[in-house]
Amino acid sequence: MIALAQDAQQSTLQALERSNQLAPRIQIALARIQFQEERVRRATRRMETAHDEVANAQHRRDGLTEILRKPSAKKSRITLGL
């Protein structure tokens, strides 16, 4: 019976030692994941900003194209010598 109790105590101590060894590794891994998540958030914001800028440029281009297609715009360009 004593041997069984000692074995249980030894197993508990080994489990605690393994847990103590793993805890710092887990903390480091979690810190790395958080760092990567922040990098992804920043990259996502940059990509969304670039997407918005492209959409705005396309909208301005479409507006200018429409202005240039109107007959009165052509006449004005000819009058101005453009």
N, C-alpha and C. Protein backbone atom coordinates (compact mmCIF):
# COMPACT_ATOMS: atom_id res chain seq x y z
N MET A 1 0.82 -1.18 0.00
CA MET A 1 0.00 0.00 0.00
C MET A 1 0.87 1.26 0.00
N ILE A 2 1.94 1.25 0.76
CA ILE A 2 2.85 2.38 0.83
C ILE A 2 3.50 2.59 -0.53
N ALA A 3 3.87 1.50 -1.19
CA ALA A 3 4.51 1.59 -2.50
C ALA A 3 3.56 2.23 -3.51
N LEU A 4 2.29 1.89 -3.42
CA LEU A 4 1.28 2.45 -4.32
C LEU A 4 1.14 3.97 -4.08
N ALA A 5 1.13 4.38 -2.85
CA ALA A 5 1.02 5.80 -2.50
C ALA A 5 2.27 6.55 -2.97
N GLN A 6 3.43 5.93 -2.83
CA GLN A 6 4.67 6.56 -3.28
C GLN A 6 4.69 6.68 -4.80
N ASP A 7 4.20 5.65 -5.47
CA ASP A 7 4.12 5.70 -6.94
C ASP A 7 3.18 6.82 -7.39
N ALA A 8 2.07 6.97 -6.72
CA ALA A 8 1.11 8.02 -7.05
C ALA A 8 1.73 9.39 -6.81
N GLN A 9 2.44 9.52 -5.69
CA GLN A 9 3.07 10.79 -5.38
C GLN A 9 4.16 11.11 -6.40
N GLN A 10 4.94 10.10 -6.78
CA GLN A 10 5.99 10.28 -7.78
C GLN A 10 5.39 10.68 -9.13
N SER A 11 4.31 10.05 -9.51
CA SER A 11 3.64 10.38 -10.76
C SER A 11 3.12 11.81 -10.74
N THR A 12 2.58 12.23 -9.60
CA THR A 12 2.09 13.59 -9.45
C THR A 12 3.23 14.59 -9.57
N LEU A 13 4.34 14.31 -8.93
CA LEU A 13 5.50 15.19 -9.01
C LEU A 13 6.03 15.29 -10.44
N GLN A 14 6.07 14.16 -11.15
CA GLN A 14 6.53 14.18 -12.54
C GLN A 14 5.58 15.00 -13.42
N ALA A 15 4.30 14.85 -13.17
CA ALA A 15 3.31 15.62 -13.93
C ALA A 15 3.48 17.11 -13.67
N LEU A 16 3.73 17.48 -12.43
CA LEU A 16 3.95 18.89 -12.08
C LEU A 16 5.23 19.42 -12.73
N GLU A 17 6.26 18.62 -12.74
CA GLU A 17 7.51 19.02 -13.38
C GLU A 17 7.31 19.25 -14.88
N ARG A 18 6.59 18.33 -15.52
CA ARG A 18 6.31 18.49 -16.95
C ARG A 18 5.48 19.75 -17.19
N SER A 19 4.52 19.97 -16.32
CA SER A 19 3.67 21.15 -16.45
C SER A 19 4.50 22.42 -16.29
N ASN A 20 5.41 22.43 -15.33
CA ASN A 20 6.27 23.58 -15.11
C ASN A 20 7.22 23.80 -16.29
N GLN A 21 7.61 22.74 -16.94
CA GLN A 21 8.48 22.87 -18.11
C GLN A 21 7.71 23.36 -19.33
N LEU A 22 6.46 22.95 -19.43
CA LEU A 22 5.65 23.32 -20.60
C LEU A 22 5.09 24.74 -20.51
N ALA A 23 4.82 25.21 -19.32
CA ALA A 23 4.18 26.52 -19.16
C ALA A 23 4.94 27.64 -19.87
N PRO A 24 6.26 27.77 -19.69
CA PRO A 24 6.96 28.85 -20.42
C PRO A 24 6.89 28.69 -21.93
N ARG A 25 6.96 27.47 -22.41
CA ARG A 25 6.86 27.23 -23.85
C ARG A 25 5.50 27.65 -24.38
N ILE A 26 4.47 27.33 -23.61
CA ILE A 26 3.11 27.69 -24.02
C ILE A 26 2.97 29.21 -24.03
N GLN A 27 3.52 29.88 -23.03
CA GLN A 27 3.44 31.34 -22.98
C GLN A 27 4.16 31.97 -24.18
N ILE A 28 5.31 31.43 -24.52
CA ILE A 28 6.06 31.93 -25.68
C ILE A 28 5.24 31.72 -26.96
N ALA A 29 4.66 30.54 -27.09
CA ALA A 29 3.85 30.25 -28.28
C ALA A 29 2.66 31.20 -28.37
N LEU A 30 2.00 31.45 -27.25
CA LEU A 30 0.86 32.37 -27.26
C LEU A 30 1.29 33.79 -27.61
N ALA A 31 2.44 34.21 -27.10
CA ALA A 31 2.94 35.55 -27.43
C ALA A 31 3.23 35.65 -28.92
N ARG A 32 3.80 34.61 -29.50
CA ARG A 32 4.07 34.61 -30.94
C ARG A 32 2.78 34.69 -31.75
N ILE A 33 1.78 33.95 -31.30
CA ILE A 33 0.49 33.97 -32.00
C ILE A 33 -0.11 35.37 -31.93
N GLN A 34 -0.06 36.00 -30.75
CA GLN A 34 -0.60 37.36 -30.61
C GLN A 34 0.16 38.34 -31.51
N PHE A 35 1.47 38.19 -31.60
CA PHE A 35 2.28 39.05 -32.46
C PHE A 35 1.88 38.87 -33.92
N GLN A 36 1.70 37.62 -34.33
CA GLN A 36 1.29 37.34 -35.71
C GLN A 36 -0.10 37.90 -35.99
N GLU A 37 -1.00 37.78 -35.02
CA GLU A 37 -2.35 38.32 -35.20
C GLU A 37 -2.30 39.83 -35.43
N GLU A 38 -1.46 40.52 -34.68
CA GLU A 38 -1.33 41.96 -34.85
C GLU A 38 -0.76 42.29 -36.23
N ARG A 39 0.21 41.53 -36.68
CA ARG A 39 0.76 41.75 -38.02
C ARG A 39 -0.31 41.54 -39.08
N VAL A 40 -1.14 40.54 -38.91
CA VAL A 40 -2.22 40.27 -39.87
C VAL A 40 -3.23 41.42 -39.86
N ARG A 41 -3.56 41.92 -38.65
CA ARG A 41 -4.49 43.05 -38.55
C ARG A 41 -3.94 44.28 -39.28
N ARG A 42 -2.66 44.58 -39.08
CA ARG A 42 -2.05 45.73 -39.76
C ARG A 42 -2.05 45.54 -41.27
N ALA A 43 -1.69 44.35 -41.72
CA ALA A 43 -1.67 44.07 -43.16
C ALA A 43 -3.08 44.17 -43.74
N THR A 44 -4.06 43.71 -43.00
CA THR A 44 -5.45 43.78 -43.47
C THR A 44 -5.89 45.23 -43.61
N ARG A 45 -5.53 46.07 -42.62
CA ARG A 45 -5.88 47.49 -42.71
C ARG A 45 -5.21 48.15 -43.92
N ARG A 46 -3.94 47.82 -44.15
CA ARG A 46 -3.24 48.39 -45.31
C ARG A 46 -3.90 47.94 -46.62
N MET A 47 -4.27 46.68 -46.68
CA MET A 47 -4.92 46.15 -47.89
C MET A 47 -6.28 46.82 -48.10
N GLU A 48 -7.04 47.01 -47.03
CA GLU A 48 -8.35 47.66 -47.16
C GLU A 48 -8.19 49.12 -47.61
N THR A 49 -7.18 49.79 -47.08
CA THR A 49 -6.92 51.18 -47.49
C THR A 49 -6.56 51.23 -48.97
N ALA A 50 -5.69 50.33 -49.41
CA ALA A 50 -5.30 50.29 -50.82
C ALA A 50 -6.51 49.98 -51.70
N HIS A 51 -7.35 49.07 -51.25
CA HIS A 51 -8.56 48.72 -52.01
C HIS A 51 -9.46 49.94 -52.15
N ASP A 52 -9.64 50.69 -51.05
CA ASP A 52 -10.48 51.89 -51.10
C ASP A 52 -9.88 52.93 -52.05
N GLU A 53 -8.57 53.09 -52.02
CA GLU A 53 -7.92 54.06 -52.91
C GLU A 53 -8.09 53.67 -54.37
N VAL A 54 -7.98 52.40 -54.67
CA VAL A 54 -8.19 51.93 -56.05
C VAL A 54 -9.63 52.17 -56.48
N ALA A 55 -10.57 51.86 -55.59
CA ALA A 55 -11.98 52.07 -55.92
C ALA A 55 -12.26 53.56 -56.17
N ASN A 56 -11.68 54.43 -55.35
CA ASN A 56 -11.87 55.87 -55.55
C ASN A 56 -11.25 56.33 -56.87
N ALA A 57 -10.08 55.83 -57.20
CA ALA A 57 -9.43 56.20 -58.46
C ALA A 57 -10.26 55.73 -59.65
N GLN A 58 -10.81 54.53 -59.56
CA GLN A 58 -11.65 54.02 -60.64
C GLN A 58 -12.91 54.87 -60.79
N HIS A 59 -13.47 55.28 -59.66
CA HIS A 59 -14.67 56.12 -59.70
C HIS A 59 -14.36 57.47 -60.35
N ARG A 60 -13.24 58.08 -59.98
CA ARG A 60 -12.84 59.35 -60.59
C ARG A 60 -12.59 59.17 -62.08
N ARG A 61 -11.92 58.08 -62.45
CA ARG A 61 -11.65 57.81 -63.87
C ARG A 61 -12.96 57.68 -64.64
N ASP A 62 -13.90 56.93 -64.06
CA ASP A 62 -15.19 56.75 -64.75
C ASP A 62 -15.91 58.09 -64.92
N GLY A 63 -15.82 58.93 -63.89
CA GLY A 63 -16.45 60.26 -63.98
C GLY A 63 -15.81 61.11 -65.05
N LEU A 64 -14.48 61.09 -65.10
CA LEU A 64 -13.78 61.86 -66.13
C LEU A 64 -14.07 61.31 -67.52
N THR A 65 -14.14 60.02 -67.66
CA THR A 65 -14.45 59.41 -68.95
C THR A 65 -15.83 59.85 -69.42
N GLU A 66 -16.77 59.87 -68.49
CA GLU A 66 -18.14 60.30 -68.84
C GLU A 66 -18.15 61.76 -69.27
N ILE A 67 -17.41 62.60 -68.58
CA ILE A 67 -17.34 64.03 -68.95
C ILE A 67 -16.75 64.18 -70.35
N LEU A 68 -15.70 63.43 -70.64
CA LEU A 68 -15.05 63.55 -71.94
C LEU A 68 -15.90 63.00 -73.08
N ARG A 69 -16.81 62.13 -72.77
CA ARG A 69 -17.67 61.56 -73.81
C ARG A 69 -18.82 62.48 -74.20
N LYS A 70 -19.13 63.44 -73.37
CA LYS A 70 -20.25 64.34 -73.67
C LYS A 70 -19.84 65.28 -74.81
N PRO A 71 -20.78 65.51 -75.73
CA PRO A 71 -20.46 66.39 -76.87
C PRO A 71 -20.04 67.79 -76.45
N SER A 72 -20.63 68.34 -75.41
CA SER A 72 -20.27 69.70 -74.99
C SER A 72 -18.83 69.73 -74.48
N ALA A 73 -18.38 68.66 -73.90
CA ALA A 73 -17.00 68.61 -73.41
C ALA A 73 -16.04 68.59 -74.59
N LYS A 74 -16.42 67.88 -75.66
CA LYS A 74 -15.57 67.85 -76.86
C LYS A 74 -15.48 69.23 -77.48
N LYS A 75 -16.61 69.91 -77.53
CA LYS A 75 -16.64 71.24 -78.11
C LYS A 75 -15.76 72.19 -77.28
N SER A 76 -15.86 72.11 -75.99
CA SER A 76 -15.05 72.96 -75.11
C SER A 76 -13.57 72.65 -75.29
N ARG A 77 -13.23 71.41 -75.46
CA ARG A 77 -11.83 71.03 -75.64
C ARG A 77 -11.30 71.60 -76.94
N ILE A 78 -12.14 71.57 -77.98
CA ILE A 78 -11.70 72.10 -79.27
C ILE A 78 -11.52 73.61 -79.17
N THR A 79 -12.45 74.27 -78.50
CA THR A 79 -12.38 75.72 -78.35
C THR A 79 -11.14 76.12 -77.55
N LEU A 80 -10.80 75.31 -76.52
CA LEU A 80 -9.64 75.61 -75.69
C LEU A 80 -8.34 75.17 -76.34
N GLY A 81 -8.44 74.46 -77.42
CA GLY A 81 -7.25 73.98 -78.13
C GLY A 81 -6.64 72.77 -77.47
N LEU A 82 -7.43 71.98 -76.77
CA LEU A 82 -6.92 70.76 -76.11
C LEU A 82 -7.02 69.56 -77.00
